[in-house]
Amino acid sequence: MEPIYIANHILRIEGEHQEHPSHIADSLWRIADHANLFSPTPDNLAPSQQQQVREFINEFRTTPQGQTALAQVKPSLTGGYRRW
């Protein structure tokens, strides 16, 4: 699992995707797929699965790896460009 990839989608959900529920759902799906939260990952996440991904995100934020990744990605998003 690549923490930078997860962090990138978390920050997209909280930022540029706010007005776009379909984009949020896509990022939640990408996080679930990348983190292997469901096997196999369904084509679309049910509301209960989306909640599980949100719980994963909350846990990810508390890990040193997650905190480091979020700190690395945030400047690239606020600067108007992405490095990942």
N, C-alpha and C. Protein backbone atom coordinates (compact mmCIF):
# COMPACT_ATOMS: atom_id res chain seq x y z
N MET A 1 0.85 -1.18 0.00
CA MET A 1 0.00 0.00 0.00
C MET A 1 0.89 1.24 0.00
N GLU A 2 0.61 2.16 -0.87
CA GLU A 2 1.37 3.40 -0.98
C GLU A 2 0.63 4.52 -0.23
N PRO A 3 1.16 4.95 0.91
CA PRO A 3 0.48 5.98 1.71
C PRO A 3 0.25 7.29 0.97
N ILE A 4 1.16 7.66 0.07
CA ILE A 4 0.99 8.92 -0.68
C ILE A 4 -0.27 8.86 -1.54
N TYR A 5 -0.52 7.71 -2.16
CA TYR A 5 -1.70 7.54 -2.99
C TYR A 5 -2.97 7.71 -2.16
N ILE A 6 -2.98 7.07 -0.99
CA ILE A 6 -4.14 7.17 -0.09
C ILE A 6 -4.33 8.62 0.35
N ALA A 7 -3.24 9.26 0.77
CA ALA A 7 -3.31 10.65 1.24
C ALA A 7 -3.82 11.58 0.14
N ASN A 8 -3.38 11.36 -1.07
CA ASN A 8 -3.81 12.18 -2.20
C ASN A 8 -5.33 12.12 -2.35
N HIS A 9 -5.90 10.93 -2.26
CA HIS A 9 -7.36 10.80 -2.41
C HIS A 9 -8.11 11.34 -1.19
N ILE A 10 -7.54 11.20 -0.01
CA ILE A 10 -8.18 11.78 1.18
C ILE A 10 -8.30 13.29 1.02
N LEU A 11 -7.22 13.92 0.59
CA LEU A 11 -7.24 15.38 0.45
C LEU A 11 -8.13 15.83 -0.70
N ARG A 12 -8.24 15.01 -1.74
CA ARG A 12 -9.18 15.33 -2.82
C ARG A 12 -10.62 15.30 -2.29
N ILE A 13 -10.93 14.28 -1.50
CA ILE A 13 -12.28 14.15 -0.92
C ILE A 13 -12.61 15.39 -0.10
N GLU A 14 -11.64 15.86 0.67
CA GLU A 14 -11.87 17.00 1.57
C GLU A 14 -11.79 18.34 0.85
N GLY A 15 -11.27 18.35 -0.35
CA GLY A 15 -11.08 19.61 -1.06
C GLY A 15 -11.88 19.69 -2.34
N GLU A 16 -11.20 19.43 -3.44
CA GLU A 16 -11.78 19.66 -4.76
C GLU A 16 -13.01 18.81 -5.07
N HIS A 17 -13.21 17.70 -4.39
CA HIS A 17 -14.36 16.83 -4.66
C HIS A 17 -15.61 17.22 -3.87
N GLN A 18 -15.53 18.20 -3.00
CA GLN A 18 -16.64 18.53 -2.09
C GLN A 18 -17.97 18.72 -2.79
N GLU A 19 -17.99 19.32 -3.94
CA GLU A 19 -19.25 19.58 -4.65
C GLU A 19 -19.61 18.47 -5.64
N HIS A 20 -18.86 17.37 -5.60
CA HIS A 20 -19.04 16.32 -6.61
C HIS A 20 -19.13 14.94 -5.94
N PRO A 21 -20.33 14.53 -5.54
CA PRO A 21 -20.49 13.24 -4.86
C PRO A 21 -19.93 12.05 -5.66
N SER A 22 -20.03 12.11 -6.98
CA SER A 22 -19.51 10.99 -7.78
C SER A 22 -17.99 10.93 -7.70
N HIS A 23 -17.34 12.08 -7.59
CA HIS A 23 -15.88 12.10 -7.45
C HIS A 23 -15.47 11.58 -6.08
N ILE A 24 -16.25 11.92 -5.05
CA ILE A 24 -15.97 11.40 -3.71
C ILE A 24 -16.11 9.88 -3.72
N ALA A 25 -17.18 9.38 -4.31
CA ALA A 25 -17.39 7.93 -4.39
C ALA A 25 -16.24 7.26 -5.13
N ASP A 26 -15.75 7.89 -6.19
CA ASP A 26 -14.64 7.34 -6.95
C ASP A 26 -13.37 7.28 -6.09
N SER A 27 -13.08 8.34 -5.36
CA SER A 27 -11.90 8.34 -4.50
C SER A 27 -12.03 7.31 -3.38
N LEU A 28 -13.22 7.18 -2.80
CA LEU A 28 -13.42 6.15 -1.78
C LEU A 28 -13.18 4.77 -2.37
N TRP A 29 -13.67 4.53 -3.58
CA TRP A 29 -13.46 3.25 -4.24
C TRP A 29 -11.96 3.01 -4.47
N ARG A 30 -11.26 4.05 -4.94
CA ARG A 30 -9.82 3.90 -5.21
C ARG A 30 -9.04 3.60 -3.94
N ILE A 31 -9.41 4.25 -2.84
CA ILE A 31 -8.76 3.96 -1.56
C ILE A 31 -9.03 2.51 -1.16
N ALA A 32 -10.28 2.09 -1.24
CA ALA A 32 -10.64 0.71 -0.88
C ALA A 32 -9.88 -0.30 -1.72
N ASP A 33 -9.80 -0.05 -3.02
CA ASP A 33 -9.11 -0.95 -3.92
C ASP A 33 -7.61 -0.99 -3.60
N HIS A 34 -7.02 0.17 -3.44
CA HIS A 34 -5.57 0.26 -3.20
C HIS A 34 -5.19 -0.36 -1.86
N ALA A 35 -6.04 -0.20 -0.86
CA ALA A 35 -5.75 -0.74 0.48
C ALA A 35 -6.26 -2.17 0.65
N ASN A 36 -6.85 -2.73 -0.42
CA ASN A 36 -7.39 -4.10 -0.37
C ASN A 36 -8.37 -4.28 0.79
N LEU A 37 -9.28 -3.33 0.93
CA LEU A 37 -10.25 -3.41 2.03
C LEU A 37 -11.32 -4.46 1.79
N PHE A 38 -11.62 -4.74 0.53
CA PHE A 38 -12.62 -5.73 0.18
C PHE A 38 -12.02 -6.66 -0.87
N SER A 39 -12.33 -7.92 -0.77
CA SER A 39 -11.76 -8.87 -1.72
C SER A 39 -12.88 -9.72 -2.31
N PRO A 40 -13.14 -9.57 -3.58
CA PRO A 40 -12.60 -8.54 -4.48
C PRO A 40 -13.31 -7.21 -4.26
N THR A 41 -12.69 -6.15 -4.75
CA THR A 41 -13.30 -4.83 -4.66
C THR A 41 -14.48 -4.78 -5.64
N PRO A 42 -15.68 -4.47 -5.15
CA PRO A 42 -16.84 -4.41 -6.05
C PRO A 42 -16.72 -3.22 -7.01
N ASP A 43 -17.52 -3.26 -8.07
CA ASP A 43 -17.51 -2.15 -9.03
C ASP A 43 -17.97 -0.85 -8.39
N ASN A 44 -18.92 -0.94 -7.48
CA ASN A 44 -19.44 0.23 -6.75
C ASN A 44 -19.53 -0.14 -5.28
N LEU A 45 -19.19 0.81 -4.42
CA LEU A 45 -19.26 0.56 -2.99
C LEU A 45 -20.66 0.84 -2.46
N ALA A 46 -21.18 -0.06 -1.67
CA ALA A 46 -22.45 0.15 -0.98
C ALA A 46 -22.23 1.19 0.11
N PRO A 47 -23.29 1.84 0.58
CA PRO A 47 -23.12 2.83 1.65
C PRO A 47 -22.37 2.28 2.87
N SER A 48 -22.64 1.04 3.25
CA SER A 48 -21.93 0.46 4.40
C SER A 48 -20.44 0.29 4.10
N GLN A 49 -20.11 -0.02 2.86
CA GLN A 49 -18.71 -0.15 2.48
C GLN A 49 -18.03 1.23 2.45
N GLN A 50 -18.76 2.24 1.97
CA GLN A 50 -18.21 3.59 1.99
C GLN A 50 -17.91 4.01 3.43
N GLN A 51 -18.78 3.63 4.36
CA GLN A 51 -18.55 3.94 5.77
C GLN A 51 -17.29 3.23 6.27
N GLN A 52 -17.08 2.00 5.85
CA GLN A 52 -15.88 1.28 6.24
C GLN A 52 -14.62 1.97 5.71
N VAL A 53 -14.70 2.50 4.50
CA VAL A 53 -13.55 3.23 3.94
C VAL A 53 -13.32 4.50 4.75
N ARG A 54 -14.37 5.19 5.13
CA ARG A 54 -14.22 6.40 5.95
C ARG A 54 -13.59 6.06 7.31
N GLU A 55 -13.94 4.92 7.87
CA GLU A 55 -13.32 4.49 9.12
C GLU A 55 -11.84 4.18 8.91
N PHE A 56 -11.52 3.56 7.77
CA PHE A 56 -10.12 3.31 7.42
C PHE A 56 -9.36 4.63 7.32
N ILE A 57 -9.98 5.64 6.69
CA ILE A 57 -9.36 6.95 6.55
C ILE A 57 -9.07 7.54 7.92
N ASN A 58 -10.02 7.46 8.84
CA ASN A 58 -9.81 7.98 10.19
C ASN A 58 -8.65 7.28 10.88
N GLU A 59 -8.55 5.97 10.72
CA GLU A 59 -7.44 5.22 11.30
C GLU A 59 -6.12 5.59 10.62
N PHE A 60 -6.14 5.73 9.30
CA PHE A 60 -4.95 6.09 8.52
C PHE A 60 -4.37 7.40 9.03
N ARG A 61 -5.24 8.36 9.33
CA ARG A 61 -4.80 9.68 9.81
C ARG A 61 -4.02 9.60 11.12
N THR A 62 -4.28 8.57 11.93
CA THR A 62 -3.64 8.46 13.24
C THR A 62 -2.29 7.76 13.19
N THR A 63 -1.96 7.14 12.07
CA THR A 63 -0.69 6.42 11.97
C THR A 63 0.43 7.38 11.59
N PRO A 64 1.65 7.11 12.04
CA PRO A 64 2.78 7.95 11.63
C PRO A 64 2.94 7.99 10.11
N GLN A 65 2.75 6.84 9.47
CA GLN A 65 2.86 6.76 8.01
C GLN A 65 1.80 7.64 7.33
N GLY A 66 0.59 7.60 7.84
CA GLY A 66 -0.49 8.41 7.28
C GLY A 66 -0.27 9.89 7.50
N GLN A 67 0.17 10.26 8.69
CA GLN A 67 0.43 11.67 8.99
C GLN A 67 1.54 12.22 8.11
N THR A 68 2.59 11.43 7.90
CA THR A 68 3.69 11.86 7.05
C THR A 68 3.22 12.04 5.61
N ALA A 69 2.45 11.07 5.11
CA ALA A 69 1.96 11.15 3.73
C ALA A 69 1.05 12.35 3.53
N LEU A 70 0.15 12.59 4.47
CA LEU A 70 -0.76 13.74 4.36
C LEU A 70 0.03 15.05 4.38
N ALA A 71 1.06 15.12 5.20
CA ALA A 71 1.89 16.33 5.27
C ALA A 71 2.65 16.55 3.97
N GLN A 72 3.04 15.47 3.30
CA GLN A 72 3.77 15.59 2.04
C GLN A 72 2.86 15.99 0.89
N VAL A 73 1.65 15.46 0.86
CA VAL A 73 0.74 15.71 -0.26
C VAL A 73 0.08 17.08 -0.15
N LYS A 74 -0.25 17.51 1.04
CA LYS A 74 -1.00 18.76 1.21
C LYS A 74 -0.36 19.96 0.52
N PRO A 75 0.95 20.19 0.65
CA PRO A 75 1.53 21.36 -0.04
C PRO A 75 1.38 21.30 -1.56
N SER A 76 1.45 20.11 -2.14
CA SER A 76 1.34 20.02 -3.59
C SER A 76 -0.08 20.34 -4.05
N LEU A 77 -1.09 20.00 -3.25
CA LEU A 77 -2.47 20.32 -3.63
C LEU A 77 -2.78 21.79 -3.44
N THR A 78 -2.28 22.39 -2.37
CA THR A 78 -2.56 23.80 -2.13
C THR A 78 -1.79 24.68 -3.09
N GLY A 79 -0.71 24.16 -3.64
CA GLY A 79 0.07 24.91 -4.62
C GLY A 79 -0.52 24.87 -6.01
N GLY A 80 -1.59 24.11 -6.18
CA GLY A 80 -2.26 24.08 -7.48
C GLY A 80 -1.72 23.04 -8.44
N TYR A 81 -0.88 22.15 -7.98
CA TYR A 81 -0.37 21.10 -8.85
C TYR A 81 -0.24 19.82 -8.05
N ARG A 82 -0.12 18.71 -8.77
CA ARG A 82 0.06 17.42 -8.12
C ARG A 82 1.37 16.81 -8.58
N ARG A 83 2.07 16.23 -7.64
CA ARG A 83 3.29 15.53 -8.00
C ARG A 83 3.04 14.04 -8.12
N TRP A 84 1.85 13.55 -7.70
CA TRP A 84 1.60 12.12 -7.72
C TRP A 84 0.45 11.80 -8.61
